[in-house]
C-alpha cells in the first residue's frame, strides 16, 4: 500500500512517499527494490485495518494487490479513505474472481483443510466492479474502472505451479499440509491448478488479468 503526501519545506514543495507492508520480509525486499531503483522511500510496517497515519494525511492512496487481503472490507475501506484528504485520489489494482488469479484463490479455498474464519470475505471480491462500487459508496466520486494484464513468464503450467508452491504463502502452507495428510487431495489440487493455468498459457507466458480502480474522495 502506498501513500503520497505534500508538505512545505523551507518554502518549497516536495513529495513524500510512504509505503506500508505487513511483514518484515516484504519490507526487506521492498527496501532492496527501492535502492535498485534509486528511490528515496519511507517504509512503515502496519495494519491495513489500522493505518498508523493521521486523518487526511495524503493526496494519493494506492494499493497494489494489498488491501484486498484484509479480512474486513468495511474496515479497510474506511481506513483507505480516512487517511486520504478530501479531493485526493484512491486507486488500487485487484484480481477479478472470474480470471486466472481469482480462480486460483478459489482453488485454494476449495482444497483448504479448514474454512476461513466467519466474516472474512474472499480477496477476489475486490475485483468485481459492482462490489467495489458498493463498498466505496457515496464516499467517492468520479469512480472509474480499467482492465489490464501482466504476463508471467514460465515454461509450462507445471513450472508455474512449482513456482507458486514455493513462493505463494497460502499455497505453500496448503501443499505442506496435504503432503502429510492427504496426498490424493494434493494430487487433485495440482491437477486443477495446471488446468486453470493452461487456459491462460501461450508463448511461455500465463496471462494474469487485473482490475484497476480509481476514484476521488468527496
Protein backbone atom coordinates (compact mmCIF):
# COMPACT_ATOMS: atom_id res chain seq x y z
CA UNK A 1 0.00 0.00 0.00
CA UNK A 2 1.41 3.41 -0.95
CA UNK A 3 0.56 6.89 0.22
CA UNK A 4 1.81 10.22 -1.10
CA UNK A 5 1.76 13.49 0.81
CA UNK A 6 2.92 17.01 0.04
CA UNK A 7 4.26 19.42 2.60
CA UNK A 8 6.01 22.78 2.73
CA UNK A 9 9.73 22.54 3.44
CA UNK A 10 11.75 25.77 3.67
CA UNK A 11 9.33 27.45 1.32
CA UNK A 12 9.49 24.70 -1.32
CA UNK A 13 7.01 21.96 -2.16
CA UNK A 14 8.20 18.41 -2.07
CA UNK A 15 6.63 14.99 -2.23
CA UNK A 16 6.92 12.28 0.38
CA UNK A 17 6.10 8.64 -0.27
CA UNK A 18 5.09 6.25 2.47
CA UNK A 19 4.78 2.56 1.71
CA UNK A 20 3.15 0.18 4.16
CA UNK A 21 3.95 -3.54 4.21
CA UNK A 22 2.58 -6.15 6.57
CA UNK A 23 5.65 -8.33 7.16
CA UNK A 24 9.37 -7.70 7.81
CA UNK A 25 10.35 -9.97 4.88
CA UNK A 26 8.31 -7.89 2.45
CA UNK A 27 9.80 -4.71 3.90
CA UNK A 28 13.32 -6.05 3.32
CA UNK A 29 12.53 -6.92 -0.30
CA UNK A 30 10.86 -3.56 -0.86
CA UNK A 31 13.87 -1.70 0.51
CA UNK A 32 16.14 -3.66 -1.83
CA UNK A 33 13.95 -2.79 -4.81
CA UNK A 34 13.82 0.88 -3.83
CA UNK A 35 17.61 1.00 -3.62
CA UNK A 36 17.93 -0.61 -7.05
CA UNK A 37 15.52 1.98 -8.46
CA UNK A 38 17.37 4.77 -6.59
CA UNK A 39 14.17 5.90 -4.88
CA UNK A 40 14.00 7.63 -1.51
CA UNK A 41 11.03 5.97 0.20
CA UNK A 42 9.98 5.95 3.83
CA UNK A 43 8.77 2.49 4.84
CA UNK A 44 6.27 1.84 7.61
CA UNK A 45 5.11 -1.54 8.87
CA UNK A 46 1.46 -1.52 9.86
CA UNK A 47 -2.02 -2.98 9.69
CA UNK A 48 -4.24 -2.17 6.71
CA UNK A 49 -7.21 -2.11 9.08
CA UNK A 50 -5.50 0.37 11.42
CA UNK A 51 -3.15 2.55 9.39
CA UNK A 52 -0.59 4.41 11.54
CA UNK A 53 -1.33 7.82 10.00
CA UNK A 54 -3.50 10.80 10.91
CA UNK A 55 -6.75 11.63 9.16
CA UNK A 56 -6.45 13.37 5.77
CA UNK A 57 -2.67 12.87 5.64
CA UNK A 58 -2.27 12.04 1.95
CA UNK A 59 -3.06 13.30 -1.54
CA UNK A 60 -2.95 9.78 -3.01
CA UNK A 61 -3.59 6.35 -1.51
CA UNK A 62 -2.59 3.45 -3.76
CA UNK A 63 -2.93 -0.27 -3.11
CA UNK A 64 -1.32 -2.80 -5.44
CA UNK A 65 -2.97 -6.16 -4.64
CA UNK A 66 -2.63 -5.30 -0.95
CA UNK A 67 -5.73 -4.13 0.90
CA UNK A 68 -7.78 -6.86 -0.81
CA UNK A 69 -6.28 -9.37 1.67
CA UNK A 70 -7.57 -7.53 4.73
CA UNK A 71 -10.28 -9.73 6.29
CA UNK A 72 -12.91 -6.99 6.79
CA UNK A 73 -13.65 -4.95 3.66
CA UNK A 74 -15.69 -2.33 5.50
CA UNK A 75 -12.85 -1.64 7.94
CA UNK A 76 -10.08 -1.45 5.34
CA UNK A 77 -12.21 0.76 3.08
CA UNK A 78 -12.80 3.13 5.95
CA UNK A 79 -9.05 3.27 6.63
CA UNK A 80 -8.11 3.90 3.00
CA UNK A 81 -10.46 6.87 2.90
CA UNK A 82 -9.71 8.11 6.41
CA UNK A 83 -6.05 8.87 5.68
CA UNK A 84 -6.91 10.46 2.32
CA UNK A 85 -7.66 14.17 2.18
CA UNK A 86 -10.93 15.35 0.54
CA UNK A 87 -10.30 15.72 -3.18
CA UNK A 88 -7.50 13.16 -3.04
CA UNK A 89 -7.22 10.08 -5.23
CA UNK A 90 -7.68 6.50 -4.09
CA UNK A 91 -6.57 3.85 -6.57
CA UNK A 92 -5.96 0.12 -6.42
CA UNK A 93 -5.31 -2.97 -8.51
CA UNK A 94 -7.11 -6.22 -7.67
CA UNK A 95 -7.70 -9.68 -9.13
CA UNK A 96 -11.10 -10.33 -10.81
CA UNK A 97 -12.73 -13.50 -9.45
CA UNK A 98 -13.53 -15.00 -12.86
CA UNK A 99 -10.00 -14.88 -14.30
CA UNK A 100 -6.76 -16.76 -13.60
CA UNK A 101 -5.64 -15.34 -10.26
CA UNK A 102 -9.14 -15.04 -8.85
CA UNK A 103 -9.78 -18.65 -9.85
CA UNK A 104 -6.50 -19.61 -8.17
CA UNK A 105 -7.71 -18.18 -4.85
CA UNK A 106 -11.00 -20.05 -5.25
CA UNK A 107 -8.99 -23.21 -5.84
CA UNK A 108 -7.02 -22.73 -2.63
CA UNK A 109 -10.30 -22.21 -0.78
CA UNK A 110 -11.79 -25.36 -2.33
CA UNK A 111 -8.94 -27.54 -1.08
CA UNK A 112 -8.35 -25.77 2.23
CA UNK A 113 -8.19 -28.03 5.26
CA UNK A 114 -10.36 -25.65 7.30
CA UNK A 115 -12.88 -22.97 6.25
CA UNK A 116 -11.91 -19.30 6.67
CA UNK A 117 -12.98 -17.55 9.90
CA UNK A 118 -16.52 -16.22 9.97
CA UNK A 119 -16.87 -12.79 8.43
CA UNK A 120 -13.78 -12.99 6.21
CA UNK A 121 -14.52 -12.00 2.60
CA UNK A 122 -12.71 -13.64 -0.34
CA UNK A 123 -9.99 -11.29 -1.67
CA UNK A 124 -11.13 -11.51 -5.33
CA UNK A 125 -14.42 -9.83 -4.44
CA UNK A 126 -12.37 -6.63 -4.74
CA UNK A 127 -12.02 -7.48 -8.45
CA UNK A 128 -15.77 -7.18 -9.05
CA UNK A 129 -16.70 -3.59 -10.08
CA UNK A 130 -20.20 -3.96 -8.65
CA UNK A 131 -18.85 -4.90 -5.22
CA UNK A 132 -16.20 -2.17 -5.33
CA UNK A 133 -18.86 0.40 -6.23
CA UNK A 134 -20.97 -0.74 -3.28
CA UNK A 135 -18.06 -0.68 -0.83
CA UNK A 136 -16.87 2.80 -1.77
CA UNK A 137 -20.44 4.10 -1.91
CA UNK A 138 -21.05 7.81 -1.59
CA UNK A 139 -17.63 8.50 -0.06
CA UNK A 140 -16.12 8.92 -3.54
CA UNK A 141 -16.92 10.46 -6.92
CA UNK A 142 -15.60 10.01 -10.48
CA UNK A 143 -15.25 6.27 -9.96
CA UNK A 144 -13.59 4.59 -12.96
CA UNK A 145 -12.52 1.03 -13.79
CA UNK A 146 -9.87 -0.18 -16.24
CA UNK A 147 -8.61 -3.65 -17.04
CA UNK A 148 -5.07 -4.66 -17.92
CA UNK A 149 -2.88 -7.75 -17.76
CA UNK A 150 0.56 -8.87 -16.69
CA UNK A 151 2.27 -11.87 -18.22
CA UNK A 152 4.01 -14.42 -16.01
CA UNK A 153 7.00 -15.91 -17.82
CA UNK A 154 7.07 -19.68 -17.42
CA UNK A 155 8.00 -22.79 -19.39
CA UNK A 156 4.68 -24.53 -18.74
CA UNK A 157 1.68 -24.59 -16.39
CA UNK A 158 3.53 -27.22 -14.34
CA UNK A 159 6.53 -24.90 -13.94
CA UNK A 160 4.22 -22.11 -12.81
CA UNK A 161 2.65 -24.45 -10.26
CA UNK A 162 6.09 -25.25 -8.85
CA UNK A 163 6.89 -21.55 -8.55
CA UNK A 164 3.58 -20.83 -6.82
CA UNK A 165 4.04 -23.74 -4.42
CA UNK A 166 7.43 -22.35 -3.37
CA UNK A 167 6.57 -18.64 -3.27
CA UNK A 168 2.84 -18.02 -2.70
CA UNK A 169 2.25 -18.33 1.04
CA UNK A 170 -1.30 -19.75 1.19
CA UNK A 171 -0.49 -22.40 -1.41
CA UNK A 172 2.84 -23.28 0.23
CA UNK A 173 1.12 -23.91 3.57
CA UNK A 174 -1.68 -25.91 1.96
CA UNK A 175 0.73 -28.10 -0.04
CA UNK A 176 2.87 -28.80 3.04
CA UNK A 177 -0.24 -29.81 4.98
CA UNK A 178 -1.69 -32.05 2.27
CA UNK A 179 1.64 -33.77 1.62
CA UNK A 180 1.43 -35.36 5.05
CA UNK A 181 -2.33 -35.68 5.49
CA UNK A 182 -3.97 -36.29 2.10
CA UNK A 183 -1.67 -36.99 -0.89
CA UNK A 184 -4.65 -37.79 -3.14
CA UNK A 185 -6.21 -34.41 -2.43
CA UNK A 186 -2.87 -32.76 -3.13
CA UNK A 187 -2.66 -34.50 -6.50
CA UNK A 188 -6.14 -33.25 -7.37
CA UNK A 189 -5.19 -29.71 -6.32
CA UNK A 190 -2.10 -29.80 -8.53
CA UNK A 191 -4.09 -31.08 -11.49
CA UNK A 192 -6.71 -28.35 -11.06
CA UNK A 193 -4.02 -25.68 -10.79
CA UNK A 194 -2.40 -26.76 -14.04
CA UNK A 195 -5.77 -26.95 -15.79
CA UNK A 196 -6.56 -23.39 -14.66
CA UNK A 197 -3.15 -22.12 -15.79
CA UNK A 198 -3.43 -23.91 -19.13
CA UNK A 199 -6.44 -21.79 -20.07
CA UNK A 200 -4.25 -18.67 -19.88
CA UNK A 201 -0.96 -20.13 -21.13
CA UNK A 202 0.54 -19.17 -24.51
CA UNK A 203 4.04 -18.47 -25.82
CA UNK A 204 5.65 -19.36 -22.49
CA UNK A 205 3.52 -16.88 -20.55
CA UNK A 206 0.47 -17.13 -18.29
CA UNK A 207 -1.83 -14.12 -18.62
CA UNK A 208 -2.90 -12.56 -15.30
CA UNK A 209 -5.68 -10.03 -15.83
CA UNK A 210 -6.37 -7.42 -13.17
CA UNK A 211 -8.83 -4.63 -12.44
CA UNK A 212 -7.68 -1.06 -11.79
CA UNK A 213 -9.99 1.18 -9.78
CA UNK A 214 -9.65 4.94 -9.29
CA UNK A 215 -11.84 7.49 -7.54
CA UNK A 216 -11.81 10.90 -5.87
CA UNK A 217 -12.74 11.30 -2.20
CA UNK A 218 -15.62 13.70 -1.76
